[in-house]
PDB file of N, CA and C in Angstrom:
ATOM      1  N   MET A   1     -12.744   0.671  -4.710  1.00  0.00           N
ATOM      2  CA  MET A   1     -12.140   2.665  -4.288  1.00  0.00           C
ATOM      3  C   MET A   1     -10.991   2.549  -4.549  1.00  0.00           C
ATOM      4  N   LYS A   2     -10.476   4.056  -5.309  1.00  0.00           N
ATOM      5  CA  LYS A   2      -8.972   4.089  -5.635  1.00  0.00           C
ATOM      6  C   LYS A   2      -8.074   4.844  -4.751  1.00  0.00           C
ATOM      7  N   ALA A   3      -6.753   4.533  -4.168  1.00  0.00           N
ATOM      8  CA  ALA A   3      -6.488   5.196  -3.346  1.00  0.00           C
ATOM      9  C   ALA A   3      -5.898   6.428  -4.162  1.00  0.00           C
ATOM     10  N   ALA A   4      -5.769   7.605  -2.958  1.00  0.00           N
ATOM     11  CA  ALA A   4      -5.390   8.932  -3.541  1.00  0.00           C
ATOM     12  C   ALA A   4      -3.876   9.280  -2.159  1.00  0.00           C
ATOM     13  N   TYR A   5      -2.805   8.908  -3.194  1.00  0.00           N
ATOM     14  CA  TYR A   5      -1.411   8.648  -2.425  1.00  0.00           C
ATOM     15  C   TYR A   5      -0.861  10.118  -2.987  1.00  0.00           C
ATOM     16  N   GLN A   6      -0.193  10.733  -2.139  1.00  0.00           N
ATOM     17  CA  GLN A   6       0.577  11.945  -2.071  1.00  0.00           C
ATOM     18  C   GLN A   6       2.021  11.776  -2.299  1.00  0.00           C
ATOM     19  N   THR A   7       2.915  12.454  -3.432  1.00  0.00           N
ATOM     20  CA  THR A   7       4.077  12.126  -3.335  1.00  0.00           C
ATOM     21  C   THR A   7       4.687  13.163  -2.994  1.00  0.00           C
ATOM     22  N   LEU A   8       6.359  13.393  -3.007  1.00  0.00           N
ATOM     23  CA  LEU A   8       7.072  13.842  -2.890  1.00  0.00           C
ATOM     24  C   LEU A   8       8.611  13.513  -3.645  1.00  0.00           C
ATOM     25  N   ILE A   9       9.083  14.522  -3.946  1.00  0.00           N
ATOM     26  CA  ILE A   9      10.198  14.391  -4.484  1.00  0.00           C
ATOM     27  C   ILE A   9      11.215  15.249  -3.620  1.00  0.00           C
ATOM     28  N   VAL A  10      12.420  14.919  -2.693  1.00  0.00           N
ATOM     29  CA  VAL A  10      12.955  15.152  -1.693  1.00  0.00           C
ATOM     30  C   VAL A  10      14.341  14.831  -2.122  1.00  0.00           C
ATOM     31  N   LYS A  11      14.863  16.305  -2.546  1.00  0.00           N
ATOM     32  CA  LYS A  11      16.745  16.135  -2.465  1.00  0.00           C
ATOM     33  C   LYS A  11      17.163  16.902  -0.986  1.00  0.00           C
ATOM     34  N   PHE A  12      17.917  15.907  -0.386  1.00  0.00           N
ATOM     35  CA  PHE A  12      18.531  15.773   0.353  1.00  0.00           C
ATOM     36  C   PHE A  12      19.946  17.231   0.405  1.00  0.00           C
ATOM     37  N   SER A  13      20.260  17.734   1.411  1.00  0.00           N
ATOM     38  CA  SER A  13      21.668  18.330   1.254  1.00  0.00           C
ATOM     39  C   SER A  13      22.695  17.533   1.715  1.00  0.00           C
ATOM     40  N   GLN A  14      22.460  16.349   2.015  1.00  0.00           N
ATOM     41  CA  GLN A  14      23.409  15.143   2.052  1.00  0.00           C
ATOM     42  C   GLN A  14      23.400  14.182   2.040  1.00  0.00           C
ATOM     43  N   PRO A  15      24.033  13.269   1.787  1.00  0.00           N
ATOM     44  CA  PRO A  15      24.104  11.633   0.958  1.00  0.00           C
ATOM     45  C   PRO A  15      22.987  10.890   1.946  1.00  0.00           C
ATOM     46  N   ILE A  16      21.900  10.249   1.568  1.00  0.00           N
ATOM     47  CA  ILE A  16      20.762   9.829   2.120  1.00  0.00           C
ATOM     48  C   ILE A  16      21.513   8.463   3.527  1.00  0.00           C
ATOM     49  N   LYS A  17      22.493   7.823   2.812  1.00  0.00           N
ATOM     50  CA  LYS A  17      23.486   6.829   3.920  1.00  0.00           C
ATOM     51  C   LYS A  17      24.019   7.715   4.781  1.00  0.00           C
ATOM     52  N   VAL A  18      24.178   8.970   4.801  1.00  0.00           N
ATOM     53  CA  VAL A  18      24.529  10.258   5.997  1.00  0.00           C
ATOM     54  C   VAL A  18      23.311  10.079   6.608  1.00  0.00           C
ATOM     55  N   LEU A  19      22.225  10.177   6.357  1.00  0.00           N
ATOM     56  CA  LEU A  19      20.868  10.678   7.319  1.00  0.00           C
ATOM     57  C   LEU A  19      20.638   8.878   8.289  1.00  0.00           C
ATOM     58  N   ASP A  20      20.888   8.164   7.203  1.00  0.00           N
ATOM     59  CA  ASP A  20      20.533   7.057   8.232  1.00  0.00           C
ATOM     60  C   ASP A  20      21.758   7.172   9.332  1.00  0.00           C
ATOM     61  N   GLY A  21      22.562   8.052   9.667  1.00  0.00           N
ATOM     62  CA  GLY A  21      22.901   8.007  10.768  1.00  0.00           C
ATOM     63  C   GLY A  21      22.227   8.993  12.281  1.00  0.00           C
ATOM     64  N   ILE A  22      20.877   9.112  11.856  1.00  0.00           N
ATOM     65  CA  ILE A  22      19.913   9.355  12.756  1.00  0.00           C
ATOM     66  C   ILE A  22      19.827   8.249  13.341  1.00  0.00           C
ATOM     67  N   PHE A  23      19.808   6.908  12.659  1.00  0.00           N
ATOM     68  CA  PHE A  23      19.115   6.281  13.424  1.00  0.00           C
ATOM     69  C   PHE A  23      20.082   4.777  14.089  1.00  0.00           C
ATOM     70  N   ASP A  24      21.167   5.997  14.606  1.00  0.00           N
ATOM     71  CA  ASP A  24      21.939   4.709  15.032  1.00  0.00           C
ATOM     72  C   ASP A  24      22.106   3.697  15.668  1.00  0.00           C
ATOM     73  N   ASP A  25      20.750   4.375  17.029  1.00  0.00           N
ATOM     74  CA  ASP A  25      20.376   3.827  17.957  1.00  0.00           C
ATOM     75  C   ASP A  25      19.202   2.345  17.495  1.00  0.00           C
ATOM     76  N   ALA A  26      19.489   1.460  16.406  1.00  0.00           N
ATOM     77  CA  ALA A  26      18.365   0.873  16.081  1.00  0.00           C
ATOM     78  C   ALA A  26      17.163   0.263  16.858  1.00  0.00           C
ATOM     79  N   GLU A  27      17.655  -0.378  18.112  1.00  0.00           N
ATOM     80  CA  GLU A  27      16.881  -0.491  19.302  1.00  0.00           C
ATOM     81  C   GLU A  27      15.654   0.373  19.516  1.00  0.00           C
ATOM     82  N   ALA A  28      16.412   1.828  19.932  1.00  0.00           N
ATOM     83  CA  ALA A  28      15.598   2.547  20.493  1.00  0.00           C
ATOM     84  C   ALA A  28      14.363   3.021  18.932  1.00  0.00           C
ATOM     85  N   TRP A  29      15.191   3.415  17.847  1.00  0.00           N
ATOM     86  CA  TRP A  29      13.835   3.810  16.793  1.00  0.00           C
ATOM     87  C   TRP A  29      13.377   2.340  16.264  1.00  0.00           C
ATOM     88  N   GLY A  30      13.956   1.273  16.175  1.00  0.00           N
ATOM     89  CA  GLY A  30      13.034   0.229  15.767  1.00  0.00           C
ATOM     90  C   GLY A  30      13.300  -0.220  13.801  1.00  0.00           C
ATOM     91  N   VAL A  31      14.112   0.881  13.900  1.00  0.00           N
ATOM     92  CA  VAL A  31      14.755   0.682  12.816  1.00  0.00           C
ATOM     93  C   VAL A  31      16.486   0.956  12.543  1.00  0.00           C
ATOM     94  N   ASP A  32      16.891   0.977  11.190  1.00  0.00           N
ATOM     95  CA  ASP A  32      18.327   1.553  11.018  1.00  0.00           C
ATOM     96  C   ASP A  32      18.539   2.622  10.368  1.00  0.00           C
ATOM     97  N   THR A  33      17.648   2.933   9.462  1.00  0.00           N
ATOM     98  CA  THR A  33      17.650   3.359   8.099  1.00  0.00           C
ATOM     99  C   THR A  33      16.698   4.664   7.943  1.00  0.00           C
ATOM    100  N   LEU A  34      16.630   5.484   7.016  1.00  0.00           N
ATOM    101  CA  LEU A  34      15.901   6.605   6.985  1.00  0.00           C
ATOM    102  C   LEU A  34      14.392   5.992   6.183  1.00  0.00           C
ATOM    103  N   LYS A  35      14.835   5.140   5.217  1.00  0.00           N
ATOM    104  CA  LYS A  35      14.058   4.091   4.211  1.00  0.00           C
ATOM    105  C   LYS A  35      13.579   3.382   5.104  1.00  0.00           C
ATOM    106  N   GLY A  36      14.080   2.826   5.854  1.00  0.00           N
ATOM    107  CA  GLY A  36      12.980   1.804   7.376  1.00  0.00           C
ATOM    108  C   GLY A  36      11.878   2.462   8.307  1.00  0.00           C
ATOM    109  N   TRP A  37      12.530   3.887   8.437  1.00  0.00           N
ATOM    110  CA  TRP A  37      11.791   4.468   9.410  1.00  0.00           C
ATOM    111  C   TRP A  37      10.100   4.793   8.145  1.00  0.00           C
ATOM    112  N   ILE A  38      10.514   5.633   7.339  1.00  0.00           N
ATOM    113  CA  ILE A  38       9.721   5.991   6.683  1.00  0.00           C
ATOM    114  C   ILE A  38       8.643   4.898   5.907  1.00  0.00           C
ATOM    115  N   ASP A  39       9.190   3.432   5.236  1.00  0.00           N
ATOM    116  CA  ASP A  39       8.707   2.401   4.876  1.00  0.00           C
ATOM    117  C   ASP A  39       7.461   1.627   5.903  1.00  0.00           C
ATOM    118  N   ASP A  40       8.284   2.254   7.422  1.00  0.00           N
ATOM    119  CA  ASP A  40       7.304   1.740   8.596  1.00  0.00           C
ATOM    120  C   ASP A  40       6.231   2.251   8.986  1.00  0.00           C
ATOM    121  N   TYR A  41       6.435   3.699   8.419  1.00  0.00           N
ATOM    122  CA  TYR A  41       4.984   4.422   8.975  1.00  0.00           C
ATOM    123  C   TYR A  41       3.973   4.045   7.829  1.00  0.00           C
ATOM    124  N   GLU A  42       3.274   3.924   8.522  1.00  0.00           N
ATOM    125  CA  GLU A  42       1.865   3.412   8.001  1.00  0.00           C
ATOM    126  C   GLU A  42       1.248   4.171   6.586  1.00  0.00           C
ATOM    127  N   SER A  43       1.089   3.516   5.523  1.00  0.00           N
ATOM    128  CA  SER A  43       0.759   3.904   4.330  1.00  0.00           C
ATOM    129  C   SER A  43       1.907   4.606   3.065  1.00  0.00           C
ATOM    130  N   SER A  44       3.314   4.488   4.015  1.00  0.00           N
ATOM    131  CA  SER A  44       4.313   5.579   3.078  1.00  0.00           C
ATOM    132  C   SER A  44       5.228   4.021   2.814  1.00  0.00           C
ATOM    133  N   ARG A  45       5.764   4.768   1.656  1.00  0.00           N
ATOM    134  CA  ARG A  45       7.396   4.523   0.897  1.00  0.00           C
ATOM    135  C   ARG A  45       8.044   5.297   0.794  1.00  0.00           C
ATOM    136  N   PHE A  46       9.618   4.869   1.021  1.00  0.00           N
ATOM    137  CA  PHE A  46      10.593   5.330   0.628  1.00  0.00           C
ATOM    138  C   PHE A  46      11.149   4.647  -0.719  1.00  0.00           C
ATOM    139  N   THR A  47      11.986   5.510  -1.693  1.00  0.00           N
ATOM    140  CA  THR A  47      12.449   4.889  -2.849  1.00  0.00           C
ATOM    141  C   THR A  47      13.798   5.827  -2.996  1.00  0.00           C
ATOM    142  N   ALA A  48      14.825   5.655  -3.123  1.00  0.00           N
ATOM    143  CA  ALA A  48      15.871   6.395  -3.643  1.00  0.00           C
ATOM    144  C   ALA A  48      16.278   6.276  -4.659  1.00  0.00           C
ATOM    145  N   ILE A  49      16.451   7.738  -5.450  1.00  0.00           N
ATOM    146  CA  ILE A  49      16.672   7.135  -6.885  1.00  0.00           C
ATOM    147  C   ILE A  49      17.673   7.844  -7.590  1.00  0.00           C
ATOM    148  N   ASN A  50      18.672   8.409  -6.397  1.00  0.00           N
ATOM    149  CA  ASN A  50      20.221   8.473  -6.305  1.00  0.00           C
ATOM    150  C   ASN A  50      20.809   9.082  -4.505  1.00  0.00           C
ATOM    151  N   SER A  51      21.897   9.368  -5.226  1.00  0.00           N
ATOM    152  CA  SER A  51      22.474   9.374  -3.554  1.00  0.00           C
ATOM    153  C   SER A  51      21.729  10.591  -2.319  1.00  0.00           C
ATOM    154  N   HIS A  52      21.254  11.694  -3.035  1.00  0.00           N
ATOM    155  CA  HIS A  52      20.638  12.348  -2.292  1.00  0.00           C
ATOM    156  C   HIS A  52      19.088  12.676  -2.349  1.00  0.00           C
ATOM    157  N   THR A  53      18.736  11.659  -3.664  1.00  0.00           N
ATOM    158  CA  THR A  53      16.751  12.402  -3.724  1.00  0.00           C
ATOM    159  C   THR A  53      16.247  11.095  -3.203  1.00  0.00           C
ATOM    160  N   ALA A  54      15.182  11.474  -2.740  1.00  0.00           N
ATOM    161  CA  ALA A  54      14.107  10.054  -2.673  1.00  0.00           C
ATOM    162  C   ALA A  54      12.371  10.349  -3.339  1.00  0.00           C
ATOM    163  N   VAL A  55      11.817   9.538  -3.575  1.00  0.00           N
ATOM    164  CA  VAL A  55      10.670   9.883  -3.836  1.00  0.00           C
ATOM    165  C   VAL A  55       9.362   9.008  -2.597  1.00  0.00           C
ATOM    166  N   ILE A  56       8.906   9.923  -1.943  1.00  0.00           N
ATOM    167  CA  ILE A  56       8.051   9.129  -1.080  1.00  0.00           C
ATOM    168  C   ILE A  56       6.760   9.451  -1.085  1.00  0.00           C
ATOM    169  N   THR A  57       6.038   8.340  -0.990  1.00  0.00           N
ATOM    170  CA  THR A  57       5.037   8.339  -1.197  1.00  0.00           C
ATOM    171  C   THR A  57       3.937   8.099   0.367  1.00  0.00           C
ATOM    172  N   SER A  58       2.917   8.380   0.107  1.00  0.00           N
ATOM    173  CA  SER A  58       2.248   8.170   1.372  1.00  0.00           C
ATOM    174  C   SER A  58      -0.007   8.748   1.191  1.00  0.00           C
ATOM    175  N   GLU A  59      -0.077   7.598   1.794  1.00  0.00           N
ATOM    176  CA  GLU A  59      -2.225   7.885   1.391  1.00  0.00           C
ATOM    177  C   GLU A  59      -2.366   8.972   2.327  1.00  0.00           C
ATOM    178  N   TYR A  60      -2.027   8.684   3.676  1.00  0.00           N
ATOM    179  CA  TYR A  60      -2.529   9.986   4.020  1.00  0.00           C
ATOM    180  C   TYR A  60      -1.671  10.328   5.551  1.00  0.00           C
ATOM    181  N   ASN A  61      -0.754  10.331   5.117  1.00  0.00           N
ATOM    182  CA  ASN A  61       1.061  10.632   6.615  1.00  0.00           C
ATOM    183  C   ASN A  61       1.382  11.552   6.141  1.00  0.00           C
ATOM    184  N   MET A  62       1.233  12.373   4.951  1.00  0.00           N
ATOM    185  CA  MET A  62       2.096  13.120   3.999  1.00  0.00           C
ATOM    186  C   MET A  62       2.575  14.539   4.803  1.00  0.00           C
ATOM    187  N   GLU A  63       1.383  14.617   5.356  1.00  0.00           N
ATOM    188  CA  GLU A  63       1.823  16.442   6.138  1.00  0.00           C
ATOM    189  C   GLU A  63       2.725  15.642   7.441  1.00  0.00           C
ATOM    190  N   CYS A  64       2.537  14.923   8.329  1.00  0.00           N
ATOM    191  CA  CYS A  64       2.978  14.357   9.519  1.00  0.00           C
ATOM    192  C   CYS A  64       5.007  13.431   9.094  1.00  0.00           C
ATOM    193  N   LEU A  65       4.671  13.390   7.800  1.00  0.00           N
ATOM    194  CA  LEU A  65       6.158  12.882   7.047  1.00  0.00           C
ATOM    195  C   LEU A  65       6.992  14.449   7.040  1.00  0.00           C
ATOM    196  N   MET A  66       6.215  15.163   6.541  1.00  0.00           N
ATOM    197  CA  MET A  66       6.527  16.047   5.923  1.00  0.00           C
ATOM    198  C   MET A  66       7.520  17.314   6.943  1.00  0.00           C
ATOM    199  N   GLU A  67       6.603  17.308   7.744  1.00  0.00           N
ATOM    200  CA  GLU A  67       7.066  17.972   9.143  1.00  0.00           C
ATOM    201  C   GLU A  67       8.540  17.469  10.067  1.00  0.00           C
ATOM    202  N   TRP A  68       7.900  15.481   9.979  1.00  0.00           N
ATOM    203  CA  TRP A  68       9.489  15.624  10.854  1.00  0.00           C
ATOM    204  C   TRP A  68      10.419  15.427   9.862  1.00  0.00           C
ATOM    205  N   LEU A  69      10.953  15.456   8.490  1.00  0.00           N
ATOM    206  CA  LEU A  69      11.840  15.509   7.533  1.00  0.00           C
ATOM    207  C   LEU A  69      12.023  16.809   7.953  1.00  0.00           C
ATOM    208  N   LYS A  70      11.731  18.041   7.763  1.00  0.00           N
ATOM    209  CA  LYS A  70      11.883  19.480   7.649  1.00  0.00           C
ATOM    210  C   LYS A  70      12.603  19.721   9.231  1.00  0.00           C
ATOM    211  N   ARG A  71      12.052  18.909  10.294  1.00  0.00           N
ATOM    212  CA  ARG A  71      12.700  19.096  11.410  1.00  0.00           C
ATOM    213  C   ARG A  71      13.804  18.142  11.976  1.00  0.00           C
ATOM    214  N   ASN A  72      14.056  17.266  11.228  1.00  0.00           N
ATOM    215  CA  ASN A  72      15.124  16.043  11.297  1.00  0.00           C
ATOM    216  C   ASN A  72      16.535  15.943   9.893  1.00  0.00           C
ATOM    217  N   THR A  73      16.033  16.361   8.754  1.00  0.00           N
ATOM    218  CA  THR A  73      17.060  16.335   8.216  1.00  0.00           C
ATOM    219  C   THR A  73      17.462  17.518   6.885  1.00  0.00           C
ATOM    220  N   PRO A  74      18.482  17.438   6.885  1.00  0.00           N
ATOM    221  CA  PRO A  74      18.725  18.663   5.764  1.00  0.00           C
ATOM    222  C   PRO A  74      18.169  18.594   4.705  1.00  0.00           C
ATOM    223  N   ILE A  75      17.281  19.410   4.113  1.00  0.00           N
ATOM    224  CA  ILE A  75      16.528  19.260   3.033  1.00  0.00           C
ATOM    225  C   ILE A  75      16.837  20.597   2.173  1.00  0.00           C
ATOM    226  N   ALA A  76      17.347  20.197   0.871  1.00  0.00           N
ATOM    227  CA  ALA A  76      17.557  21.254   0.212  1.00  0.00           C
ATOM    228  C   ALA A  76      16.538  21.958  -1.008  1.00  0.00           C
ATOM    229  N   GLU A  77      15.796  20.604  -1.548  1.00  0.00           N
ATOM    230  CA  GLU A  77      14.962  20.957  -2.054  1.00  0.00           C
ATOM    231  C   GLU A  77      13.239  19.660  -2.265  1.00  0.00           C
ATOM    232  N   ILE A  78      12.654  20.437  -2.019  1.00  0.00           N
ATOM    233  CA  ILE A  78      11.144  19.203  -2.031  1.00  0.00           C
ATOM    234  C   ILE A  78       9.993  20.152  -3.410  1.00  0.00           C
ATOM    235  N   THR A  79       9.856  18.732  -3.993  1.00  0.00           N
ATOM    236  CA  THR A  79       8.668  19.065  -4.830  1.00  0.00           C
ATOM    237  C   THR A  79       7.618  18.525  -5.098  1.00  0.00           C
ATOM    238  N   GLU A  80       6.630  18.762  -4.465  1.00  0.00           N
ATOM    239  CA  GLU A  80       5.263  17.754  -4.418  1.00  0.00           C
ATOM    240  C   GLU A  80       4.575  17.467  -5.738  1.00  0.00           C
ATOM    241  N   CYS A  81       4.114  16.674  -5.330  1.00  0.00           N
ATOM    242  CA  CYS A  81       3.888  16.128  -7.475  1.00  0.00           C
ATOM    243  C   CYS A  81       2.218  15.904  -6.957  1.00  0.00           C
TER     244      CYS A  81
END
């Protein structure tokens, strides 16, 4: 069976390293970076391609990830692939 992953390219209006500050209470979040949080979300992966842009893939959780990102991070642009 072939997995059908959804892919987003997300350009943030702030550097990803700044966004990692969301997770300043790593004990409460269980992670200390945006990458860690998304990678920890079942079937999802976060790959930074530069300081402001990441490729996010998910097998079946993309809708929830996109909603969380829109609510909690400053997004300049989202491209669905």
